[in-house]
mmCIF file of all heavy atoms, coordinates in Angstrom:
data_MODEL
# 
_entry.id   MODEL 
# 
loop_
_atom_site.group_PDB 
_atom_site.id 
_atom_site.type_symbol 
_atom_site.label_atom_id 
_atom_site.label_alt_id 
_atom_site.label_comp_id 
_atom_site.label_asym_id 
_atom_site.label_entity_id 
_atom_site.label_seq_id 
_atom_site.pdbx_PDB_ins_code 
_atom_site.Cartn_x 
_atom_site.Cartn_y 
_atom_site.Cartn_z 
_atom_site.occupancy 
_atom_site.B_iso_or_equiv 
_atom_site.pdbx_formal_charge 
_atom_site.auth_seq_id 
_atom_site.auth_comp_id 
_atom_site.auth_asym_id 
_atom_site.auth_atom_id 
_atom_site.pdbx_PDB_model_num 
ATOM 1   N N   . GLU A 1 1  ? -2.452  21.539  5.740  1.00 0.00 ? 1  GLU A N   1 
ATOM 2   C CA  . GLU A 1 1  ? -1.050  21.533  5.360  1.00 0.00 ? 1  GLU A CA  1 
ATOM 3   C C   . GLU A 1 1  ? -0.715  20.221  4.661  1.00 0.00 ? 1  GLU A C   1 
ATOM 4   O O   . GLU A 1 1  ? -1.195  19.161  5.045  1.00 0.00 ? 1  GLU A O   1 
ATOM 5   C CB  . GLU A 1 1  ? -0.150  21.686  6.585  1.00 0.00 ? 1  GLU A CB  1 
ATOM 6   C CG  . GLU A 1 1  ? -0.322  23.006  7.316  1.00 0.00 ? 1  GLU A CG  1 
ATOM 7   C CD  . GLU A 1 1  ? 0.595   23.094  8.522  1.00 0.00 ? 1  GLU A CD  1 
ATOM 8   O OE1 . GLU A 1 1  ? 1.317   22.111  8.792  1.00 0.00 ? 1  GLU A OE1 1 
ATOM 9   O OE2 . GLU A 1 1  ? 0.590   24.136  9.185  1.00 0.00 ? 1  GLU A OE2 1 
ATOM 10  N N   . LEU A 1 2  ? 0.133   20.318  3.639  1.00 0.00 ? 2  LEU A N   1 
ATOM 11  C CA  . LEU A 1 2  ? 0.612   19.108  2.988  1.00 0.00 ? 2  LEU A CA  1 
ATOM 12  C C   . LEU A 1 2  ? 1.700   18.474  3.838  1.00 0.00 ? 2  LEU A C   1 
ATOM 13  O O   . LEU A 1 2  ? 2.371   19.145  4.625  1.00 0.00 ? 2  LEU A O   1 
ATOM 14  C CB  . LEU A 1 2  ? 1.172   19.435  1.604  1.00 0.00 ? 2  LEU A CB  1 
ATOM 15  C CG  . LEU A 1 2  ? 0.171   19.939  0.563  1.00 0.00 ? 2  LEU A CG  1 
ATOM 16  C CD1 . LEU A 1 2  ? 0.870   20.230  -0.750 1.00 0.00 ? 2  LEU A CD1 1 
ATOM 17  C CD2 . LEU A 1 2  ? -0.949  18.943  0.366  1.00 0.00 ? 2  LEU A CD2 1 
ATOM 18  N N   . LYS A 1 3  ? 1.877   17.172  3.663  1.00 0.00 ? 3  LYS A N   1 
ATOM 19  C CA  . LYS A 1 3  ? 2.897   16.431  4.397  1.00 0.00 ? 3  LYS A CA  1 
ATOM 20  C C   . LYS A 1 3  ? 3.720   15.597  3.434  1.00 0.00 ? 3  LYS A C   1 
ATOM 21  O O   . LYS A 1 3  ? 3.346   15.420  2.269  1.00 0.00 ? 3  LYS A O   1 
ATOM 22  C CB  . LYS A 1 3  ? 2.234   15.519  5.438  1.00 0.00 ? 3  LYS A CB  1 
ATOM 23  C CG  . LYS A 1 3  ? 1.403   16.255  6.479  1.00 0.00 ? 3  LYS A CG  1 
ATOM 24  C CD  . LYS A 1 3  ? 0.819   15.288  7.490  1.00 0.00 ? 3  LYS A CD  1 
ATOM 25  C CE  . LYS A 1 3  ? -0.002  16.019  8.543  1.00 0.00 ? 3  LYS A CE  1 
ATOM 26  N NZ  . LYS A 1 3  ? -0.556  15.087  9.563  1.00 0.00 ? 3  LYS A NZ  1 
ATOM 27  N N   . GLU A 1 4  ? 4.840   15.087  3.909  1.00 0.00 ? 4  GLU A N   1 
ATOM 28  C CA  . GLU A 1 4  ? 5.649   14.194  3.082  1.00 0.00 ? 4  GLU A CA  1 
ATOM 29  C C   . GLU A 1 4  ? 4.826   12.960  2.721  1.00 0.00 ? 4  GLU A C   1 
ATOM 30  O O   . GLU A 1 4  ? 4.007   12.487  3.506  1.00 0.00 ? 4  GLU A O   1 
ATOM 31  C CB  . GLU A 1 4  ? 6.910   13.777  3.850  1.00 0.00 ? 4  GLU A CB  1 
ATOM 32  C CG  . GLU A 1 4  ? 7.837   12.894  3.044  1.00 0.00 ? 4  GLU A CG  1 
ATOM 33  C CD  . GLU A 1 4  ? 9.187   12.707  3.716  1.00 0.00 ? 4  GLU A CD  1 
ATOM 34  O OE1 . GLU A 1 4  ? 9.789   13.719  4.124  1.00 0.00 ? 4  GLU A OE1 1 
ATOM 35  O OE2 . GLU A 1 4  ? 9.633   11.547  3.807  1.00 0.00 ? 4  GLU A OE2 1 
ATOM 36  N N   . VAL A 1 5  ? 5.029   12.450  1.499  1.00 0.00 ? 5  VAL A N   1 
ATOM 37  C CA  . VAL A 1 5  ? 4.294   11.251  1.109  1.00 0.00 ? 5  VAL A CA  1 
ATOM 38  C C   . VAL A 1 5  ? 4.609   10.125  2.084  1.00 0.00 ? 5  VAL A C   1 
ATOM 39  O O   . VAL A 1 5  ? 5.699   10.050  2.653  1.00 0.00 ? 5  VAL A O   1 
ATOM 40  C CB  . VAL A 1 5  ? 4.635   10.825  -0.332 1.00 0.00 ? 5  VAL A CB  1 
ATOM 41  C CG1 . VAL A 1 5  ? 4.212   11.883  -1.334 1.00 0.00 ? 5  VAL A CG1 1 
ATOM 42  C CG2 . VAL A 1 5  ? 6.111   10.491  -0.490 1.00 0.00 ? 5  VAL A CG2 1 
ATOM 43  N N   . GLY A 1 6  ? 3.635   9.259   2.305  1.00 0.00 ? 6  GLY A N   1 
ATOM 44  C CA  . GLY A 1 6  ? 3.808   8.176   3.262  1.00 0.00 ? 6  GLY A CA  1 
ATOM 45  C C   . GLY A 1 6  ? 3.416   8.556   4.673  1.00 0.00 ? 6  GLY A C   1 
ATOM 46  O O   . GLY A 1 6  ? 3.565   7.753   5.595  1.00 0.00 ? 6  GLY A O   1 
ATOM 47  N N   . SER A 1 7  ? 2.875   9.770   4.850  1.00 0.00 ? 7  SER A N   1 
ATOM 48  C CA  . SER A 1 7  ? 2.512   10.233  6.185  1.00 0.00 ? 7  SER A CA  1 
ATOM 49  C C   . SER A 1 7  ? 1.163   9.692   6.656  1.00 0.00 ? 7  SER A C   1 
ATOM 50  O O   . SER A 1 7  ? 0.874   9.706   7.848  1.00 0.00 ? 7  SER A O   1 
ATOM 51  C CB  . SER A 1 7  ? 2.471   11.766  6.224  1.00 0.00 ? 7  SER A CB  1 
ATOM 52  O OG  . SER A 1 7  ? 3.762   12.310  6.043  1.00 0.00 ? 7  SER A OG  1 
ATOM 53  N N   . PHE A 1 8  ? 0.329   9.245   5.705  1.00 0.00 ? 8  PHE A N   1 
ATOM 54  C CA  . PHE A 1 8  ? -0.980  8.726   6.057  1.00 0.00 ? 8  PHE A CA  1 
ATOM 55  C C   . PHE A 1 8  ? -0.958  7.202   6.031  1.00 0.00 ? 8  PHE A C   1 
ATOM 56  O O   . PHE A 1 8  ? -0.141  6.592   5.337  1.00 0.00 ? 8  PHE A O   1 
ATOM 57  C CB  . PHE A 1 8  ? -2.047  9.259   5.103  1.00 0.00 ? 8  PHE A CB  1 
ATOM 58  C CG  . PHE A 1 8  ? -2.219  10.750  5.195  1.00 0.00 ? 8  PHE A CG  1 
ATOM 59  C CD1 . PHE A 1 8  ? -1.416  11.601  4.453  1.00 0.00 ? 8  PHE A CD1 1 
ATOM 60  C CD2 . PHE A 1 8  ? -3.170  11.300  6.029  1.00 0.00 ? 8  PHE A CD2 1 
ATOM 61  C CE1 . PHE A 1 8  ? -1.559  12.974  4.543  1.00 0.00 ? 8  PHE A CE1 1 
ATOM 62  C CE2 . PHE A 1 8  ? -3.331  12.671  6.128  1.00 0.00 ? 8  PHE A CE2 1 
ATOM 63  C CZ  . PHE A 1 8  ? -2.518  13.511  5.389  1.00 0.00 ? 8  PHE A CZ  1 
ATOM 64  N N   . LYS A 1 9  ? -1.864  6.593   6.752  1.00 0.00 ? 9  LYS A N   1 
ATOM 65  C CA  . LYS A 1 9  ? -1.831  5.139   6.904  1.00 0.00 ? 9  LYS A CA  1 
ATOM 66  C C   . LYS A 1 9  ? -1.926  4.436   5.555  1.00 0.00 ? 9  LYS A C   1 
ATOM 67  O O   . LYS A 1 9  ? -2.595  4.914   4.635  1.00 0.00 ? 9  LYS A O   1 
ATOM 68  C CB  . LYS A 1 9  ? -2.962  4.679   7.819  1.00 0.00 ? 9  LYS A CB  1 
ATOM 69  C CG  . LYS A 1 9  ? -4.357  4.843   7.255  1.00 0.00 ? 9  LYS A CG  1 
ATOM 70  C CD  . LYS A 1 9  ? -5.410  4.373   8.241  1.00 0.00 ? 9  LYS A CD  1 
ATOM 71  C CE  . LYS A 1 9  ? -6.814  4.485   7.654  1.00 0.00 ? 9  LYS A CE  1 
ATOM 72  N NZ  . LYS A 1 9  ? -7.851  4.052   8.617  1.00 0.00 ? 9  LYS A NZ  1 
ATOM 73  N N   . PRO A 1 10 ? -1.258  3.300   5.415  1.00 0.00 ? 10 PRO A N   1 
ATOM 74  C CA  . PRO A 1 10 ? -1.239  2.589   4.131  1.00 0.00 ? 10 PRO A CA  1 
ATOM 75  C C   . PRO A 1 10 ? -2.510  1.808   3.870  1.00 0.00 ? 10 PRO A C   1 
ATOM 76  O O   . PRO A 1 10 ? -3.239  1.433   4.783  1.00 0.00 ? 10 PRO A O   1 
ATOM 77  C CB  . PRO A 1 10 ? -0.043  1.648   4.282  1.00 0.00 ? 10 PRO A CB  1 
ATOM 78  C CG  . PRO A 1 10 ? 0.007   1.356   5.749  1.00 0.00 ? 10 PRO A CG  1 
ATOM 79  C CD  . PRO A 1 10 ? -0.384  2.656   6.409  1.00 0.00 ? 10 PRO A CD  1 
ATOM 80  N N   . ASN A 1 11 ? -2.755  1.574   2.591  1.00 0.00 ? 11 ASN A N   1 
ATOM 81  C CA  . ASN A 1 11 ? -3.845  0.717   2.153  1.00 0.00 ? 11 ASN A CA  1 
ATOM 82  C C   . ASN A 1 11 ? -3.226  -0.590  1.668  1.00 0.00 ? 11 ASN A C   1 
ATOM 83  O O   . ASN A 1 11 ? -2.336  -0.587  0.818  1.00 0.00 ? 11 ASN A O   1 
ATOM 84  C CB  . ASN A 1 11 ? -4.624  1.386   1.014  1.00 0.00 ? 11 ASN A CB  1 
ATOM 85  C CG  . ASN A 1 11 ? -5.687  0.489   0.399  1.00 0.00 ? 11 ASN A CG  1 
ATOM 86  O OD1 . ASN A 1 11 ? -5.369  -0.535  -0.194 1.00 0.00 ? 11 ASN A OD1 1 
ATOM 87  N ND2 . ASN A 1 11 ? -6.933  0.892   0.516  1.00 0.00 ? 11 ASN A ND2 1 
ATOM 88  N N   . GLY A 1 12 ? -3.677  -1.705  2.190  1.00 0.00 ? 12 GLY A N   1 
ATOM 89  C CA  . GLY A 1 12 ? -3.159  -2.994  1.741  1.00 0.00 ? 12 GLY A CA  1 
ATOM 90  C C   . GLY A 1 12 ? -3.458  -4.096  2.733  1.00 0.00 ? 12 GLY A C   1 
ATOM 91  O O   . GLY A 1 12 ? -3.329  -3.901  3.936  1.00 0.00 ? 12 GLY A O   1 
ATOM 92  N N   . ARG A 1 13 ? -3.849  -5.233  2.195  1.00 0.00 ? 13 ARG A N   1 
ATOM 93  C CA  . ARG A 1 13 ? -4.104  -6.388  3.038  1.00 0.00 ? 13 ARG A CA  1 
ATOM 94  C C   . ARG A 1 13 ? -2.827  -7.199  3.199  1.00 0.00 ? 13 ARG A C   1 
ATOM 95  O O   . ARG A 1 13 ? -1.804  -6.894  2.599  1.00 0.00 ? 13 ARG A O   1 
ATOM 96  C CB  . ARG A 1 13 ? -5.211  -7.247  2.420  1.00 0.00 ? 13 ARG A CB  1 
ATOM 97  C CG  . ARG A 1 13 ? -6.554  -6.521  2.305  1.00 0.00 ? 13 ARG A CG  1 
ATOM 98  C CD  . ARG A 1 13 ? -7.626  -7.407  1.679  1.00 0.00 ? 13 ARG A CD  1 
ATOM 99  N NE  . ARG A 1 13 ? -8.912  -6.741  1.631  1.00 0.00 ? 13 ARG A NE  1 
ATOM 100 C CZ  . ARG A 1 13 ? -9.303  -5.906  0.677  1.00 0.00 ? 13 ARG A CZ  1 
ATOM 101 N NH1 . ARG A 1 13 ? -8.464  -5.641  -0.325 1.00 0.00 ? 13 ARG A NH1 1 
ATOM 102 N NH2 . ARG A 1 13 ? -10.482 -5.336  0.705  1.00 0.00 ? 13 ARG A NH2 1 
ATOM 103 N N   . SER A 1 14 ? -2.884  -8.241  4.000  1.00 0.00 ? 14 SER A N   1 
ATOM 104 C CA  . SER A 1 14 ? -1.729  -9.100  4.232  1.00 0.00 ? 14 SER A CA  1 
ATOM 105 C C   . SER A 1 14 ? -1.206  -9.644  2.903  1.00 0.00 ? 14 SER A C   1 
ATOM 106 O O   . SER A 1 14 ? -1.971  -10.148 2.083  1.00 0.00 ? 14 SER A O   1 
ATOM 107 C CB  . SER A 1 14 ? -2.125  -10.264 5.157  1.00 0.00 ? 14 SER A CB  1 
ATOM 108 O OG  . SER A 1 14 ? -1.041  -11.142 5.336  1.00 0.00 ? 14 SER A OG  1 
ATOM 109 N N   . GLY A 1 15 ? 0.099   -9.513  2.686  1.00 0.00 ? 15 GLY A N   1 
ATOM 110 C CA  . GLY A 1 15 ? 0.713   -10.001 1.461  1.00 0.00 ? 15 GLY A CA  1 
ATOM 111 C C   . GLY A 1 15 ? 0.725   -9.005  0.322  1.00 0.00 ? 15 GLY A C   1 
ATOM 112 O O   . GLY A 1 15 ? 1.307   -9.267  -0.725 1.00 0.00 ? 15 GLY A O   1 
ATOM 113 N N   . GLU A 1 16 ? 0.090   -7.832  0.514  1.00 0.00 ? 16 GLU A N   1 
ATOM 114 C CA  . GLU A 1 16 ? 0.078   -6.804  -0.521 1.00 0.00 ? 16 GLU A CA  1 
ATOM 115 C C   . GLU A 1 16 ? 1.070   -5.700  -0.187 1.00 0.00 ? 16 GLU A C   1 
ATOM 116 O O   . GLU A 1 16 ? 1.240   -5.340  0.975  1.00 0.00 ? 16 GLU A O   1 
ATOM 117 C CB  . GLU A 1 16 ? -1.320  -6.186  -0.648 1.00 0.00 ? 16 GLU A CB  1 
ATOM 118 C CG  . GLU A 1 16 ? -2.376  -7.106  -1.210 1.00 0.00 ? 16 GLU A CG  1 
ATOM 119 C CD  . GLU A 1 16 ? -3.724  -6.424  -1.330 1.00 0.00 ? 16 GLU A CD  1 
ATOM 120 O OE1 . GLU A 1 16 ? -4.015  -5.509  -0.510 1.00 0.00 ? 16 GLU A OE1 1 
ATOM 121 O OE2 . GLU A 1 16 ? -4.483  -6.796  -2.223 1.00 0.00 ? 16 GLU A OE2 1 
ATOM 122 N N   . GLU A 1 17 ? 1.711   -5.152  -1.220 1.00 0.00 ? 17 GLU A N   1 
ATOM 123 C CA  . GLU A 1 17 ? 2.561   -3.980  -1.023 1.00 0.00 ? 17 GLU A CA  1 
ATOM 124 C C   . GLU A 1 17 ? 1.660   -2.791  -0.686 1.00 0.00 ? 17 GLU A C   1 
ATOM 125 O O   . GLU A 1 17 ? 0.642   -2.568  -1.353 1.00 0.00 ? 17 GLU A O   1 
ATOM 126 C CB  . GLU A 1 17 ? 3.354   -3.688  -2.294 1.00 0.00 ? 17 GLU A CB  1 
ATOM 127 C CG  . GLU A 1 17 ? 4.476   -4.672  -2.559 1.00 0.00 ? 17 GLU A CG  1 
ATOM 128 C CD  . GLU A 1 17 ? 5.673   -4.427  -1.669 1.00 0.00 ? 17 GLU A CD  1 
ATOM 129 O OE1 . GLU A 1 17 ? 5.861   -3.283  -1.190 1.00 0.00 ? 17 GLU A OE1 1 
ATOM 130 O OE2 . GLU A 1 17 ? 6.415   -5.384  -1.428 1.00 0.00 ? 17 GLU A OE2 1 
ATOM 131 N N   . PRO A 1 18 ? 1.988   -2.017  0.334  1.00 0.00 ? 18 PRO A N   1 
ATOM 132 C CA  . PRO A 1 18 ? 1.116   -0.907  0.729  1.00 0.00 ? 18 PRO A CA  1 
ATOM 133 C C   . PRO A 1 18 ? 1.116   0.258   -0.254 1.00 0.00 ? 18 PRO A C   1 
ATOM 134 O O   . PRO A 1 18 ? 2.120   0.532   -0.916 1.00 0.00 ? 18 PRO A O   1 
ATOM 135 C CB  . PRO A 1 18 ? 1.691   -0.478  2.085  1.00 0.00 ? 18 PRO A CB  1 
ATOM 136 C CG  . PRO A 1 18 ? 3.117   -0.887  2.021  1.00 0.00 ? 18 PRO A CG  1 
ATOM 137 C CD  . PRO A 1 18 ? 3.148   -2.157  1.224  1.00 0.00 ? 18 PRO A CD  1 
ATOM 138 N N   . ILE A 1 19 ? -0.027  0.918   -0.342 1.00 0.00 ? 19 ILE A N   1 
ATOM 139 C CA  . ILE A 1 19 ? -0.191  2.150   -1.112 1.00 0.00 ? 19 ILE A CA  1 
ATOM 140 C C   . ILE A 1 19 ? -0.543  3.241   -0.100 1.00 0.00 ? 19 ILE A C   1 
ATOM 141 O O   . ILE A 1 19 ? -1.389  3.041   0.764  1.00 0.00 ? 19 ILE A O   1 
ATOM 142 C CB  . ILE A 1 19 ? -1.310  2.025   -2.146 1.00 0.00 ? 19 ILE A CB  1 
ATOM 143 C CG1 . ILE A 1 19 ? -1.042  0.849   -3.089 1.00 0.00 ? 19 ILE A CG1 1 
ATOM 144 C CG2 . ILE A 1 19 ? -1.438  3.316   -2.957 1.00 0.00 ? 19 ILE A CG2 1 
ATOM 145 C CD1 . ILE A 1 19 ? -2.202  0.549   -4.027 1.00 0.00 ? 19 ILE A CD1 1 
ATOM 146 N N   . TYR A 1 20 ? 0.113   4.391   -0.231 1.00 0.00 ? 20 TYR A N   1 
ATOM 147 C CA  . TYR A 1 20 ? -0.045  5.435   0.776  1.00 0.00 ? 20 TYR A CA  1 
ATOM 148 C C   . TYR A 1 20 ? -0.814  6.650   0.268  1.00 0.00 ? 20 TYR A C   1 
ATOM 149 O O   . TYR A 1 20 ? -0.790  6.973   -0.923 1.00 0.00 ? 20 TYR A O   1 
ATOM 150 C CB  . TYR A 1 20 ? 1.327   5.895   1.274  1.00 0.00 ? 20 TYR A CB  1 
ATOM 151 C CG  . TYR A 1 20 ? 2.043   4.873   2.116  1.00 0.00 ? 20 TYR A CG  1 
ATOM 152 C CD1 . TYR A 1 20 ? 2.802   3.875   1.526  1.00 0.00 ? 20 TYR A CD1 1 
ATOM 153 C CD2 . TYR A 1 20 ? 1.947   4.893   3.507  1.00 0.00 ? 20 TYR A CD2 1 
ATOM 154 C CE1 . TYR A 1 20 ? 3.461   2.926   2.309  1.00 0.00 ? 20 TYR A CE1 1 
ATOM 155 C CE2 . TYR A 1 20 ? 2.593   3.951   4.283  1.00 0.00 ? 20 TYR A CE2 1 
ATOM 156 C CZ  . TYR A 1 20 ? 3.349   2.962   3.676  1.00 0.00 ? 20 TYR A CZ  1 
ATOM 157 O OH  . TYR A 1 20 ? 3.988   2.025   4.448  1.00 0.00 ? 20 TYR A OH  1 
ATOM 158 N N   . ASP A 1 21 ? -1.464  7.330   1.214  1.00 0.00 ? 21 ASP A N   1 
ATOM 159 C CA  . ASP A 1 21 ? -2.025  8.672   1.017  1.00 0.00 ? 21 ASP A CA  1 
ATOM 160 C C   . ASP A 1 21 ? -3.203  8.719   0.049  1.00 0.00 ? 21 ASP A C   1 
ATOM 161 O O   . ASP A 1 21 ? -3.492  9.769   -0.524 1.00 0.00 ? 21 ASP A O   1 
ATOM 162 C CB  . ASP A 1 21 ? -0.935  9.651   0.542  1.00 0.00 ? 21 ASP A CB  1 
ATOM 163 C CG  . ASP A 1 21 ? 0.299   9.618   1.414  1.00 0.00 ? 21 ASP A CG  1 
ATOM 164 O OD1 . ASP A 1 21 ? 0.162   9.439   2.635  1.00 0.00 ? 21 ASP A OD1 1 
ATOM 165 O OD2 . ASP A 1 21 ? 1.412   9.764   0.873  1.00 0.00 ? 21 ASP A OD2 1 
ATOM 166 N N   . LEU A 1 22 ? -3.892  7.607   -0.137 1.00 0.00 ? 22 LEU A N   1 
ATOM 167 C CA  . LEU A 1 22 ? -5.046  7.610   -1.031 1.00 0.00 ? 22 LEU A CA  1 
ATOM 168 C C   . LEU A 1 22 ? -6.150  8.525   -0.520 1.00 0.00 ? 22 LEU A C   1 
ATOM 169 O O   . LEU A 1 22 ? -6.900  9.104   -1.303 1.00 0.00 ? 22 LEU A O   1 
ATOM 170 C CB  . LEU A 1 22 ? -5.594  6.183   -1.190 1.00 0.00 ? 22 LEU A CB  1 
ATOM 171 C CG  . LEU A 1 22 ? -4.732  5.234   -2.013 1.00 0.00 ? 22 LEU A CG  1 
ATOM 172 C CD1 . LEU A 1 22 ? -5.183  3.793   -1.806 1.00 0.00 ? 22 LEU A CD1 1 
ATOM 173 C CD2 . LEU A 1 22 ? -4.781  5.605   -3.487 1.00 0.00 ? 22 LEU A CD2 1 
ATOM 174 N N   . GLY A 1 23 ? -6.254  8.652   0.781  1.00 0.00 ? 23 GLY A N   1 
ATOM 175 C CA  . GLY A 1 23 ? -7.299  9.491   1.343  1.00 0.00 ? 23 GLY A CA  1 
ATOM 176 C C   . GLY A 1 23 ? -6.790  10.780  1.947  1.00 0.00 ? 23 GLY A C   1 
ATOM 177 O O   . GLY A 1 23 ? -7.556  11.553  2.512  1.00 0.00 ? 23 GLY A O   1 
ATOM 178 N N   . GLY A 1 24 ? -5.481  11.013  1.855  1.00 0.00 ? 24 GLY A N   1 
ATOM 179 C CA  . GLY A 1 24 ? -4.914  12.194  2.476  1.00 0.00 ? 24 GLY A CA  1 
ATOM 180 C C   . GLY A 1 24 ? -3.955  12.927  1.560  1.00 0.00 ? 24 GLY A C   1 
ATOM 181 O O   . GLY A 1 24 ? -3.725  12.520  0.427  1.00 0.00 ? 24 GLY A O   1 
ATOM 182 N N   . ASN A 1 25 ? -3.377  13.987  2.060  1.00 0.00 ? 25 ASN A N   1 
ATOM 183 C CA  . ASN A 1 25 ? -2.498  14.868  1.297  1.00 0.00 ? 25 ASN A CA  1 
ATOM 184 C C   . ASN A 1 25 ? -3.281  15.516  0.156  1.00 0.00 ? 25 ASN A C   1 
ATOM 185 O O   . ASN A 1 25 ? -4.328  16.097  0.405  1.00 0.00 ? 25 ASN A O   1 
ATOM 186 C CB  . ASN A 1 25 ? -1.244  14.141  0.826  1.00 0.00 ? 25 ASN A CB  1 
ATOM 187 C CG  . ASN A 1 25 ? -0.014  14.593  1.619  1.00 0.00 ? 25 ASN A CG  1 
ATOM 188 O OD1 . ASN A 1 25 ? -0.049  15.552  2.385  1.00 0.00 ? 25 ASN A OD1 1 
ATOM 189 N ND2 . ASN A 1 25 ? 1.091   13.898  1.438  1.00 0.00 ? 25 ASN A ND2 1 
# 
């Protein structure tokens, strides 16, 4: 099932803006 964007853990190190759902949805 698809989910709302932002449902999967973010990608990003300290000081970086997170990117979401690279491995999901």
